[in-house]
């Protein structure tokens, strides 16, 4: 069934001149059929340069919104319109506007995991791949508002020595890791390298041998292809890691609550399925829409990020 569905998707994609972009946290069968699998920065770059008429974004809503902001004349589809983001939901436009207005002298840097409305209030957008570079590009005397992820913000503060005004937002997936279980897991696998996403809490990051974006984590594992790793990010990344580094031993970091995989999974990411991917490509729906006013305002900070990331 999966093979036939995949073949039907490829046929539709070719007929409609579509491109399928997928995040590392998507289900394996979606990653395997995608034209490109990557992190938020890589996906933004691919969305900016595509010649396809239709972009099917197998990810979450803010990612597809970013693709639409960059491609106003193209159809941007998402398999499930309810594929949202707890981090983006933690930063609402009204309260954020009040913060920005209260600190008019501050540069506003927003993590890409936010809505188009939040991006429209920003001076520059960043991802976990380029956040340090972007913050370091701002003169030291310029104060900065950083939103919405407080954990990434704390990590940046520690690495740069900059005092950032942080929004109190977080990702429920990356805050679900249990430090006690992680320590016990390391005792079971002594000598393992712990790699973590900077959206994780400080006590998790303090244990890590490497901290970076999903793409950065894969790159780090490639440097040690025969070693053992405990991976503290959403478990979907393990599929691509196993493909890229088949001899490495990969162990998902344990979550607080017991569940079937004992790891941390994003329920939003997993709303997208192969069947929904086929349906949205067949029916050209659901489509992502962004008002032109918001799009133009949000485009500037995204383009600034892309320029700095070259």
C-alpha atoms as a PDB file:
ATOM      1  CA  UNK A   1       0.000   0.000   0.000  1.00  0.00           C
ATOM      2  CA  UNK A   2       2.782   2.429   0.961  1.00  0.00           C
ATOM      3  CA  UNK A   3       4.681   1.692  -2.246  1.00  0.00           C
ATOM      4  CA  UNK A   4       1.609   2.275  -4.449  1.00  0.00           C
ATOM      5  CA  UNK A   5       0.764   5.484  -2.593  1.00  0.00           C
ATOM      6  CA  UNK A   6       4.334   6.702  -2.954  1.00  0.00           C
ATOM      7  CA  UNK A   7       4.284   5.971  -6.676  1.00  0.00           C
ATOM      8  CA  UNK A   8       0.986   7.843  -7.036  1.00  0.00           C
ATOM      9  CA  UNK A   9       2.447  10.844  -5.208  1.00  0.00           C
ATOM     10  CA  UNK A  10       5.494  10.909  -7.479  1.00  0.00           C
ATOM     11  CA  UNK A  11       3.255  10.738 -10.550  1.00  0.00           C
ATOM     12  CA  UNK A  12       1.087  13.613  -9.303  1.00  0.00           C
ATOM     13  CA  UNK A  13       4.132  15.638  -8.341  1.00  0.00           C
ATOM     14  CA  UNK A  14       5.620  15.294 -11.811  1.00  0.00           C
ATOM     15  CA  UNK A  15       2.341  16.092 -13.571  1.00  0.00           C
ATOM     16  CA  UNK A  16       1.831  19.248 -11.506  1.00  0.00           C
ATOM     17  CA  UNK A  17       5.441  20.453 -11.401  1.00  0.00           C
ATOM     18  CA  UNK A  18       5.421  20.231  -7.617  1.00  0.00           C
ATOM     19  CA  UNK A  19       8.228  19.920  -5.105  1.00  0.00           C
ATOM     20  CA  UNK A  20       7.956  18.138  -1.750  1.00  0.00           C
ATOM     21  CA  UNK A  21       9.927  19.647   1.128  1.00  0.00           C
ATOM     22  CA  UNK A  22      10.062  17.699   4.388  1.00  0.00           C
ATOM     23  CA  UNK A  23      11.472  18.334   7.835  1.00  0.00           C
ATOM     24  CA  UNK A  24      13.675  15.790   9.609  1.00  0.00           C
ATOM     25  CA  UNK A  25      10.885  15.203  12.141  1.00  0.00           C
ATOM     26  CA  UNK A  26       8.454  13.828   9.562  1.00  0.00           C
ATOM     27  CA  UNK A  27       7.551  10.131   9.360  1.00  0.00           C
ATOM     28  CA  UNK A  28      10.152   8.007   7.503  1.00  0.00           C
ATOM     29  CA  UNK A  29       7.891   7.284   4.515  1.00  0.00           C
ATOM     30  CA  UNK A  30       7.396  11.024   3.981  1.00  0.00           C
ATOM     31  CA  UNK A  31      11.111  11.748   4.272  1.00  0.00           C
ATOM     32  CA  UNK A  32      11.831   9.008   1.741  1.00  0.00           C
ATOM     33  CA  UNK A  33       9.535  10.497  -0.892  1.00  0.00           C
ATOM     34  CA  UNK A  34      10.559  14.130  -0.405  1.00  0.00           C
ATOM     35  CA  UNK A  35      12.694  16.029  -2.902  1.00  0.00           C
ATOM     36  CA  UNK A  36      14.529  17.621  -0.012  1.00  0.00           C
ATOM     37  CA  UNK A  37      14.719  16.814   3.703  1.00  0.00           C
ATOM     38  CA  UNK A  38      16.275  19.366   6.016  1.00  0.00           C
ATOM     39  CA  UNK A  39      16.126  21.729   8.959  1.00  0.00           C
ATOM     40  CA  UNK A  40      14.332  25.070   9.018  1.00  0.00           C
ATOM     41  CA  UNK A  41      17.203  26.982   7.422  1.00  0.00           C
ATOM     42  CA  UNK A  42      17.744  24.480   4.640  1.00  0.00           C
ATOM     43  CA  UNK A  43      14.014  24.262   3.972  1.00  0.00           C
ATOM     44  CA  UNK A  44      13.751  28.061   3.777  1.00  0.00           C
ATOM     45  CA  UNK A  45      16.652  28.186   1.346  1.00  0.00           C
ATOM     46  CA  UNK A  46      15.109  25.494  -0.854  1.00  0.00           C
ATOM     47  CA  UNK A  47      11.730  27.241  -0.770  1.00  0.00           C
ATOM     48  CA  UNK A  48      13.387  30.488  -1.853  1.00  0.00           C
ATOM     49  CA  UNK A  49      15.090  28.949  -4.880  1.00  0.00           C
ATOM     50  CA  UNK A  50      12.520  26.462  -6.208  1.00  0.00           C
ATOM     51  CA  UNK A  51      11.152  26.705  -9.744  1.00  0.00           C
ATOM     52  CA  UNK A  52       8.186  24.449  -8.942  1.00  0.00           C
ATOM     53  CA  UNK A  53       4.627  25.717  -9.387  1.00  0.00           C
ATOM     54  CA  UNK A  54       3.455  23.965  -6.218  1.00  0.00           C
ATOM     55  CA  UNK A  55       5.304  23.552  -2.916  1.00  0.00           C
ATOM     56  CA  UNK A  56       4.070  20.728  -0.718  1.00  0.00           C
ATOM     57  CA  UNK A  57       5.445  21.399   2.746  1.00  0.00           C
ATOM     58  CA  UNK A  58       5.600  18.295   4.902  1.00  0.00           C
ATOM     59  CA  UNK A  59       6.283  20.041   8.169  1.00  0.00           C
ATOM     60  CA  UNK A  60       4.346  22.367  10.430  1.00  0.00           C
ATOM     61  CA  UNK A  61       2.348  25.505   9.750  1.00  0.00           C
ATOM     62  CA  UNK A  62       5.002  28.170  10.372  1.00  0.00           C
ATOM     63  CA  UNK A  63       7.350  26.401   7.927  1.00  0.00           C
ATOM     64  CA  UNK A  64       4.748  26.372   5.173  1.00  0.00           C
ATOM     65  CA  UNK A  65       3.930  30.010   5.954  1.00  0.00           C
ATOM     66  CA  UNK A  66       7.581  30.909   5.446  1.00  0.00           C
ATOM     67  CA  UNK A  67       7.520  29.195   2.050  1.00  0.00           C
ATOM     68  CA  UNK A  68       4.417  31.204   1.100  1.00  0.00           C
ATOM     69  CA  UNK A  69       6.017  34.465   2.234  1.00  0.00           C
ATOM     70  CA  UNK A  70       8.935  33.700  -0.085  1.00  0.00           C
ATOM     71  CA  UNK A  71       6.704  32.487  -2.934  1.00  0.00           C
ATOM     72  CA  UNK A  72       3.515  34.584  -3.081  1.00  0.00           C
ATOM     73  CA  UNK A  73       2.573  33.457  -6.615  1.00  0.00           C
ATOM     74  CA  UNK A  74       2.991  29.737  -5.950  1.00  0.00           C
ATOM     75  CA  UNK A  75       0.557  27.333  -4.330  1.00  0.00           C
ATOM     76  CA  UNK A  76       1.884  26.200  -0.975  1.00  0.00           C
ATOM     77  CA  UNK A  77       0.180  23.112   0.405  1.00  0.00           C
ATOM     78  CA  UNK A  78       0.451  21.357   3.758  1.00  0.00           C
ATOM     79  CA  UNK A  79      -0.888  17.812   4.259  1.00  0.00           C
ATOM     80  CA  UNK A  80      -2.678  18.725   7.510  1.00  0.00           C
ATOM     81  CA  UNK A  81      -3.588  22.327   8.302  1.00  0.00           C
ATOM     82  CA  UNK A  82      -3.662  21.436  12.016  1.00  0.00           C
ATOM     83  CA  UNK A  83       0.064  20.669  12.029  1.00  0.00           C
ATOM     84  CA  UNK A  84       0.980  23.546  14.304  1.00  0.00           C
ATOM     85  CA  UNK A  85       3.770  24.216  16.785  1.00  0.00           C
ATOM     86  CA  UNK A  86       3.667  24.598  20.573  1.00  0.00           C
ATOM     87  CA  UNK A  87       6.544  27.083  20.435  1.00  0.00           C
ATOM     88  CA  UNK A  88       4.824  29.268  17.830  1.00  0.00           C
ATOM     89  CA  UNK A  89       1.608  29.072  19.863  1.00  0.00           C
ATOM     90  CA  UNK A  90       3.445  30.393  22.923  1.00  0.00           C
ATOM     91  CA  UNK A  91       3.969  33.771  21.239  1.00  0.00           C
ATOM     92  CA  UNK A  92       0.747  35.549  20.267  1.00  0.00           C
ATOM     93  CA  UNK A  93       0.771  38.740  18.161  1.00  0.00           C
ATOM     94  CA  UNK A  94      -1.064  40.981  20.669  1.00  0.00           C
ATOM     95  CA  UNK A  95       1.180  40.457  23.703  1.00  0.00           C
ATOM     96  CA  UNK A  96       4.293  40.413  21.524  1.00  0.00           C
ATOM     97  CA  UNK A  97       3.361  43.748  19.945  1.00  0.00           C
ATOM     98  CA  UNK A  98       3.063  45.213  23.446  1.00  0.00           C
ATOM     99  CA  UNK A  99       6.582  44.023  24.293  1.00  0.00           C
ATOM    100  CA  UNK A 100       8.058  45.432  21.085  1.00  0.00           C
ATOM    101  CA  UNK A 101       6.322  48.772  21.628  1.00  0.00           C
ATOM    102  CA  UNK A 102       7.608  48.909  25.212  1.00  0.00           C
ATOM    103  CA  UNK A 103      11.230  48.588  24.042  1.00  0.00           C
ATOM    104  CA  UNK A 104      11.456  50.668  20.844  1.00  0.00           C
ATOM    105  CA  UNK A 105      15.268  50.869  21.000  1.00  0.00           C
ATOM    106  CA  UNK A 106      15.670  47.067  20.851  1.00  0.00           C
ATOM    107  CA  UNK A 107      16.517  45.041  17.767  1.00  0.00           C
ATOM    108  CA  UNK A 108      13.900  42.281  17.405  1.00  0.00           C
ATOM    109  CA  UNK A 109      15.290  38.861  16.495  1.00  0.00           C
ATOM    110  CA  UNK A 110      12.768  36.057  16.208  1.00  0.00           C
ATOM    111  CA  UNK A 111      13.382  32.360  15.888  1.00  0.00           C
ATOM    112  CA  UNK A 112      11.747  31.030  12.734  1.00  0.00           C
ATOM    113  CA  UNK A 113       9.392  28.913  14.878  1.00  0.00           C
ATOM    114  CA  UNK A 114       6.777  31.658  15.027  1.00  0.00           C
ATOM    115  CA  UNK A 115       3.809  32.904  13.026  1.00  0.00           C
ATOM    116  CA  UNK A 116       3.946  35.255  10.040  1.00  0.00           C
ATOM    117  CA  UNK A 117       2.479  37.984  12.263  1.00  0.00           C
ATOM    118  CA  UNK A 118       5.396  37.686  14.692  1.00  0.00           C
ATOM    119  CA  UNK A 119       7.928  37.683  11.851  1.00  0.00           C
ATOM    120  CA  UNK A 120       6.273  40.849  10.520  1.00  0.00           C
ATOM    121  CA  UNK A 121       7.176  42.608  13.791  1.00  0.00           C
ATOM    122  CA  UNK A 122      10.801  41.478  13.583  1.00  0.00           C
ATOM    123  CA  UNK A 123      14.005  43.038  12.327  1.00  0.00           C
ATOM    124  CA  UNK A 124      15.555  39.692  11.506  1.00  0.00           C
ATOM    125  CA  UNK A 125      14.626  36.017  11.680  1.00  0.00           C
ATOM    126  CA  UNK A 126      17.005  33.236  12.688  1.00  0.00           C
ATOM    127  CA  UNK A 127      17.088  29.455  12.930  1.00  0.00           C
ATOM    128  CA  UNK A 128      19.004  27.220  15.319  1.00  0.00           C
ATOM    129  CA  UNK A 129      21.617  26.825  12.555  1.00  0.00           C
ATOM    130  CA  UNK A 130      22.437  30.522  12.334  1.00  0.00           C
ATOM    131  CA  UNK A 131      21.184  32.110  15.575  1.00  0.00           C
ATOM    132  CA  UNK A 132      24.663  32.617  17.022  1.00  0.00           C
ATOM    133  CA  UNK A 133      25.953  34.134  13.785  1.00  0.00           C
ATOM    134  CA  UNK A 134      23.008  36.496  13.527  1.00  0.00           C
ATOM    135  CA  UNK A 135      23.167  37.680  17.130  1.00  0.00           C
ATOM    136  CA  UNK A 136      26.911  38.217  16.769  1.00  0.00           C
ATOM    137  CA  UNK A 137      26.272  40.310  13.657  1.00  0.00           C
ATOM    138  CA  UNK A 138      24.434  42.915  15.750  1.00  0.00           C
ATOM    139  CA  UNK A 139      26.666  45.613  17.298  1.00  0.00           C
ATOM    140  CA  UNK A 140      27.304  44.993  20.986  1.00  0.00           C
ATOM    141  CA  UNK A 141      25.731  48.286  22.036  1.00  0.00           C
ATOM    142  CA  UNK A 142      22.383  47.449  20.384  1.00  0.00           C
ATOM    143  CA  UNK A 143      19.930  45.795  22.840  1.00  0.00           C
ATOM    144  CA  UNK A 144      18.053  42.758  21.551  1.00  0.00           C
ATOM    145  CA  UNK A 145      14.627  41.221  22.069  1.00  0.00           C
ATOM    146  CA  UNK A 146      14.833  37.487  21.344  1.00  0.00           C
ATOM    147  CA  UNK A 147      11.671  35.436  20.887  1.00  0.00           C
ATOM    148  CA  UNK A 148       9.959  33.085  21.249  1.00  0.00           C
ATOM    149  CA  UNK A 149      12.253  30.302  22.546  1.00  0.00           C
ATOM    150  CA  UNK A 150      13.692  31.072  25.979  1.00  0.00           C
ATOM    151  CA  UNK A 151      15.911  27.966  25.969  1.00  0.00           C
ATOM    152  CA  UNK A 152      17.568  28.861  22.683  1.00  0.00           C
ATOM    153  CA  UNK A 153      17.827  32.434  23.981  1.00  0.00           C
ATOM    154  CA  UNK A 154      19.573  31.303  27.173  1.00  0.00           C
ATOM    155  CA  UNK A 155      21.981  29.215  25.119  1.00  0.00           C
ATOM    156  CA  UNK A 156      22.784  32.217  22.903  1.00  0.00           C
ATOM    157  CA  UNK A 157      23.312  34.416  25.972  1.00  0.00           C
ATOM    158  CA  UNK A 158      25.763  31.905  27.395  1.00  0.00           C
ATOM    159  CA  UNK A 159      27.691  31.556  24.133  1.00  0.00           C
ATOM    160  CA  UNK A 160      27.815  35.257  23.232  1.00  0.00           C
ATOM    161  CA  UNK A 161      27.777  36.999  26.605  1.00  0.00           C
ATOM    162  CA  UNK A 162      24.976  39.223  25.297  1.00  0.00           C
ATOM    163  CA  UNK A 163      22.102  40.236  27.576  1.00  0.00           C
ATOM    164  CA  UNK A 164      18.942  39.381  25.654  1.00  0.00           C
ATOM    165  CA  UNK A 165      15.382  40.317  26.567  1.00  0.00           C
ATOM    166  CA  UNK A 166      13.785  36.878  26.275  1.00  0.00           C
ATOM    167  CA  UNK A 167      10.204  35.950  25.502  1.00  0.00           C
ATOM    168  CA  UNK A 168       8.947  33.190  27.803  1.00  0.00           C
ATOM    169  CA  UNK A 169       8.205  30.541  25.165  1.00  0.00           C
ATOM    170  CA  UNK A 170       9.303  26.952  24.725  1.00  0.00           C
ATOM    171  CA  UNK A 171       8.818  23.739  22.770  1.00  0.00           C
ATOM    172  CA  UNK A 172       6.959  21.030  24.658  1.00  0.00           C
ATOM    173  CA  UNK A 173       8.914  18.338  22.795  1.00  0.00           C
ATOM    174  CA  UNK A 174      12.337  19.661  23.757  1.00  0.00           C
ATOM    175  CA  UNK A 175      11.271  20.388  27.322  1.00  0.00           C
ATOM    176  CA  UNK A 176      10.085  16.802  27.762  1.00  0.00           C
ATOM    177  CA  UNK A 177      13.527  15.270  28.183  1.00  0.00           C
ATOM    178  CA  UNK A 178      14.243  13.825  31.609  1.00  0.00           C
ATOM    179  CA  UNK A 179      17.673  14.600  33.035  1.00  0.00           C
ATOM    180  CA  UNK A 180      17.411  11.702  35.508  1.00  0.00           C
ATOM    181  CA  UNK A 181      16.553   9.238  32.777  1.00  0.00           C
ATOM    182  CA  UNK A 182      19.284  10.692  30.572  1.00  0.00           C
ATOM    183  CA  UNK A 183      21.890  10.146  33.294  1.00  0.00           C
ATOM    184  CA  UNK A 184      20.703   6.575  33.805  1.00  0.00           C
ATOM    185  CA  UNK A 185      20.762   5.962  30.064  1.00  0.00           C
ATOM    186  CA  UNK A 186      24.324   7.255  29.873  1.00  0.00           C
ATOM    187  CA  UNK A 187      25.316   4.864  32.680  1.00  0.00           C
ATOM    188  CA  UNK A 188      23.942   2.034  30.544  1.00  0.00           C
ATOM    189  CA  UNK A 189      25.966   3.306  27.584  1.00  0.00           C
ATOM    190  CA  UNK A 190      29.159   4.817  29.045  1.00  0.00           C
ATOM    191  CA  UNK A 191      31.273   6.709  26.569  1.00  0.00           C
ATOM    192  CA  UNK A 192      28.299   7.714  24.429  1.00  0.00           C
ATOM    193  CA  UNK A 193      28.321  11.179  22.943  1.00  0.00           C
ATOM    194  CA  UNK A 194      25.257  13.206  23.944  1.00  0.00           C
ATOM    195  CA  UNK A 195      24.019  15.539  21.200  1.00  0.00           C
ATOM    196  CA  UNK A 196      21.227  18.023  21.837  1.00  0.00           C
ATOM    197  CA  UNK A 197      19.105  20.642  20.127  1.00  0.00           C
ATOM    198  CA  UNK A 198      19.414  24.128  21.692  1.00  0.00           C
ATOM    199  CA  UNK A 199      15.640  24.259  22.264  1.00  0.00           C
ATOM    200  CA  UNK A 200      16.288  21.812  25.117  1.00  0.00           C
ATOM    201  CA  UNK A 201      16.502  23.016  28.709  1.00  0.00           C
ATOM    202  CA  UNK A 202      19.821  24.166  30.139  1.00  0.00           C
ATOM    203  CA  UNK A 203      20.345  21.106  32.336  1.00  0.00           C
ATOM    204  CA  UNK A 204      20.107  18.895  29.238  1.00  0.00           C
ATOM    205  CA  UNK A 205      22.447  21.126  27.222  1.00  0.00           C
ATOM    206  CA  UNK A 206      24.979  21.068  30.066  1.00  0.00           C
ATOM    207  CA  UNK A 207      25.402  17.316  29.532  1.00  0.00           C
ATOM    208  CA  UNK A 208      25.918  17.534  25.779  1.00  0.00           C
ATOM    209  CA  UNK A 209      29.080  16.904  23.794  1.00  0.00           C
ATOM    210  CA  UNK A 210      27.506  18.787  20.906  1.00  0.00           C
ATOM    211  CA  UNK A 211      24.676  21.334  20.683  1.00  0.00           C
ATOM    212  CA  UNK A 212      23.225  22.289  17.339  1.00  0.00           C
ATOM    213  CA  UNK A 213      20.424  22.285  14.799  1.00  0.00           C
ATOM    214  CA  UNK A 214      19.075  19.055  13.366  1.00  0.00           C
ATOM    215  CA  UNK A 215      21.337  19.432  10.326  1.00  0.00           C
ATOM    216  CA  UNK A 216      24.249  20.233  12.605  1.00  0.00           C
ATOM    217  CA  UNK A 217      23.586  17.131  14.704  1.00  0.00           C
ATOM    218  CA  UNK A 218      23.666  14.926  11.604  1.00  0.00           C
ATOM    219  CA  UNK A 219      26.904  16.583  10.529  1.00  0.00           C
ATOM    220  CA  UNK A 220      28.432  15.919  13.944  1.00  0.00           C
ATOM    221  CA  UNK A 221      27.490  12.233  13.882  1.00  0.00           C
ATOM    222  CA  UNK A 222      29.113  11.936  10.436  1.00  0.00           C
ATOM    223  CA  UNK A 223      32.420  12.930  12.018  1.00  0.00           C
ATOM    224  CA  UNK A 224      32.281   9.867  14.291  1.00  0.00           C
ATOM    225  CA  UNK A 225      30.542   7.268  12.084  1.00  0.00           C
ATOM    226  CA  UNK A 226      31.231   4.242  14.269  1.00  0.00           C
ATOM    227  CA  UNK A 227      30.486   5.667  17.693  1.00  0.00           C
ATOM    228  CA  UNK A 228      27.465   5.684  19.999  1.00  0.00           C
ATOM    229  CA  UNK A 229      25.171   8.703  20.403  1.00  0.00           C
ATOM    230  CA  UNK A 230      22.330   9.681  22.698  1.00  0.00           C
ATOM    231  CA  UNK A 231      20.179  12.038  20.639  1.00  0.00           C
ATOM    232  CA  UNK A 232      18.206  14.760  22.454  1.00  0.00           C
ATOM    233  CA  UNK A 233      15.787  16.059  19.870  1.00  0.00           C
ATOM    234  CA  UNK A 234      12.571  14.869  18.235  1.00  0.00           C
ATOM    235  CA  UNK A 235      12.948  11.187  17.382  1.00  0.00           C
ATOM    236  CA  UNK A 236      12.106  11.637  13.698  1.00  0.00           C
ATOM    237  CA  UNK A 237      15.692  12.697  13.041  1.00  0.00           C
ATOM    238  CA  UNK A 238      16.914   9.162  13.713  1.00  0.00           C
ATOM    239  CA  UNK A 239      15.634   7.977  10.323  1.00  0.00           C
ATOM    240  CA  UNK A 240      17.891  10.307   8.334  1.00  0.00           C
ATOM    241  CA  UNK A 241      20.784   9.774  10.733  1.00  0.00           C
ATOM    242  CA  UNK A 242      20.597   6.014  10.221  1.00  0.00           C
ATOM    243  CA  UNK A 243      20.613   6.515   6.472  1.00  0.00           C
ATOM    244  CA  UNK A 244      23.556   8.888   6.589  1.00  0.00           C
ATOM    245  CA  UNK A 245      25.597   7.085   9.257  1.00  0.00           C
ATOM    246  CA  UNK A 246      24.521   3.414   9.224  1.00  0.00           C
ATOM    247  CA  UNK A 247      27.357   2.184  11.477  1.00  0.00           C
ATOM    248  CA  UNK A 248      26.649   4.608  14.312  1.00  0.00           C
ATOM    249  CA  UNK A 249      24.622   3.484  17.320  1.00  0.00           C
ATOM    250  CA  UNK A 250      21.798   5.968  17.847  1.00  0.00           C
ATOM    251  CA  UNK A 251      19.791   6.079  21.070  1.00  0.00           C
ATOM    252  CA  UNK A 252      16.864   8.503  21.529  1.00  0.00           C
ATOM    253  CA  UNK A 253      17.052  10.571  24.703  1.00  0.00           C
ATOM    254  CA  UNK A 254      14.295   9.584  27.148  1.00  0.00           C
ATOM    255  CA  UNK A 255      11.261  11.748  27.812  1.00  0.00           C
ATOM    256  CA  UNK A 256       9.725  12.463  31.217  1.00  0.00           C
ATOM    257  CA  UNK A 257       6.640  10.384  30.609  1.00  0.00           C
ATOM    258  CA  UNK A 258       6.700   6.741  29.656  1.00  0.00           C
ATOM    259  CA  UNK A 259       5.487   6.147  26.109  1.00  0.00           C
ATOM    260  CA  UNK A 260       5.788   3.567  23.385  1.00  0.00           C
ATOM    261  CA  UNK A 261       9.183   4.717  22.124  1.00  0.00           C
ATOM    262  CA  UNK A 262      10.518   6.170  25.414  1.00  0.00           C
ATOM    263  CA  UNK A 263      11.572   9.196  23.372  1.00  0.00           C
ATOM    264  CA  UNK A 264      10.163  12.595  22.551  1.00  0.00           C
ATOM    265  CA  UNK A 265       7.919  12.961  19.508  1.00  0.00           C
ATOM    266  CA  UNK A 266       6.079  15.985  18.126  1.00  0.00           C
ATOM    267  CA  UNK A 267       2.398  15.167  17.772  1.00  0.00           C
ATOM    268  CA  UNK A 268       2.003  18.097  15.372  1.00  0.00           C
ATOM    269  CA  UNK A 269       4.703  16.822  13.015  1.00  0.00           C
ATOM    270  CA  UNK A 270       3.163  13.386  13.019  1.00  0.00           C
ATOM    271  CA  UNK A 271      -0.257  14.696  11.918  1.00  0.00           C
ATOM    272  CA  UNK A 272       1.076  14.616   8.362  1.00  0.00           C
ATOM    273  CA  UNK A 273       0.745  11.200   6.745  1.00  0.00           C
ATOM    274  CA  UNK A 274       1.496   9.758   3.326  1.00  0.00           C
ATOM    275  CA  UNK A 275      -2.239   9.557   2.568  1.00  0.00           C
ATOM    276  CA  UNK A 276      -2.751  13.205   3.529  1.00  0.00           C
ATOM    277  CA  UNK A 277       0.249  14.136   1.400  1.00  0.00           C
ATOM    278  CA  UNK A 278      -1.339  12.417  -1.585  1.00  0.00           C
ATOM    279  CA  UNK A 279      -4.737  14.001  -0.902  1.00  0.00           C
ATOM    280  CA  UNK A 280      -3.392  17.541  -0.646  1.00  0.00           C
ATOM    281  CA  UNK A 281      -1.415  17.180  -3.867  1.00  0.00           C
ATOM    282  CA  UNK A 282      -4.387  15.654  -5.666  1.00  0.00           C
ATOM    283  CA  UNK A 283      -6.866  18.289  -4.478  1.00  0.00           C
ATOM    284  CA  UNK A 284      -4.563  21.332  -4.178  1.00  0.00           C
ATOM    285  CA  UNK A 285      -5.740  21.799  -0.617  1.00  0.00           C
ATOM    286  CA  UNK A 286      -5.258  22.785   2.163  1.00  0.00           C
ATOM    287  CA  UNK A 287      -3.434  25.861   0.901  1.00  0.00           C
ATOM    288  CA  UNK A 288      -1.433  28.272   3.038  1.00  0.00           C
ATOM    289  CA  UNK A 289      -2.565  31.881   2.807  1.00  0.00           C
ATOM    290  CA  UNK A 290      -0.791  34.970   4.144  1.00  0.00           C
ATOM    291  CA  UNK A 291      -2.191  38.474   3.746  1.00  0.00           C
ATOM    292  CA  UNK A 292      -0.114  40.643   1.441  1.00  0.00           C
ATOM    293  CA  UNK A 293       0.458  43.279   4.144  1.00  0.00           C
ATOM    294  CA  UNK A 294       1.831  40.714   6.604  1.00  0.00           C
ATOM    295  CA  UNK A 295       3.764  38.939   3.853  1.00  0.00           C
ATOM    296  CA  UNK A 296       5.647  42.063   2.799  1.00  0.00           C
ATOM    297  CA  UNK A 297       6.485  42.944   6.397  1.00  0.00           C
ATOM    298  CA  UNK A 298       7.607  39.380   7.206  1.00  0.00           C
ATOM    299  CA  UNK A 299       9.617  39.008   3.997  1.00  0.00           C
ATOM    300  CA  UNK A 300      12.242  41.597   4.984  1.00  0.00           C
ATOM    301  CA  UNK A 301      13.534  39.857   8.140  1.00  0.00           C
ATOM    302  CA  UNK A 302      13.485  36.477   6.376  1.00  0.00           C
ATOM    303  CA  UNK A 303      15.482  37.823   3.429  1.00  0.00           C
ATOM    304  CA  UNK A 304      17.934  39.383   5.846  1.00  0.00           C
ATOM    305  CA  UNK A 305      18.415  35.994   7.485  1.00  0.00           C
ATOM    306  CA  UNK A 306      18.947  34.266   4.136  1.00  0.00           C
ATOM    307  CA  UNK A 307      21.480  36.899   3.100  1.00  0.00           C
ATOM    308  CA  UNK A 308      23.453  36.485   6.330  1.00  0.00           C
ATOM    309  CA  UNK A 309      23.353  32.690   5.949  1.00  0.00           C
ATOM    310  CA  UNK A 310      25.105  32.562   2.577  1.00  0.00           C
END
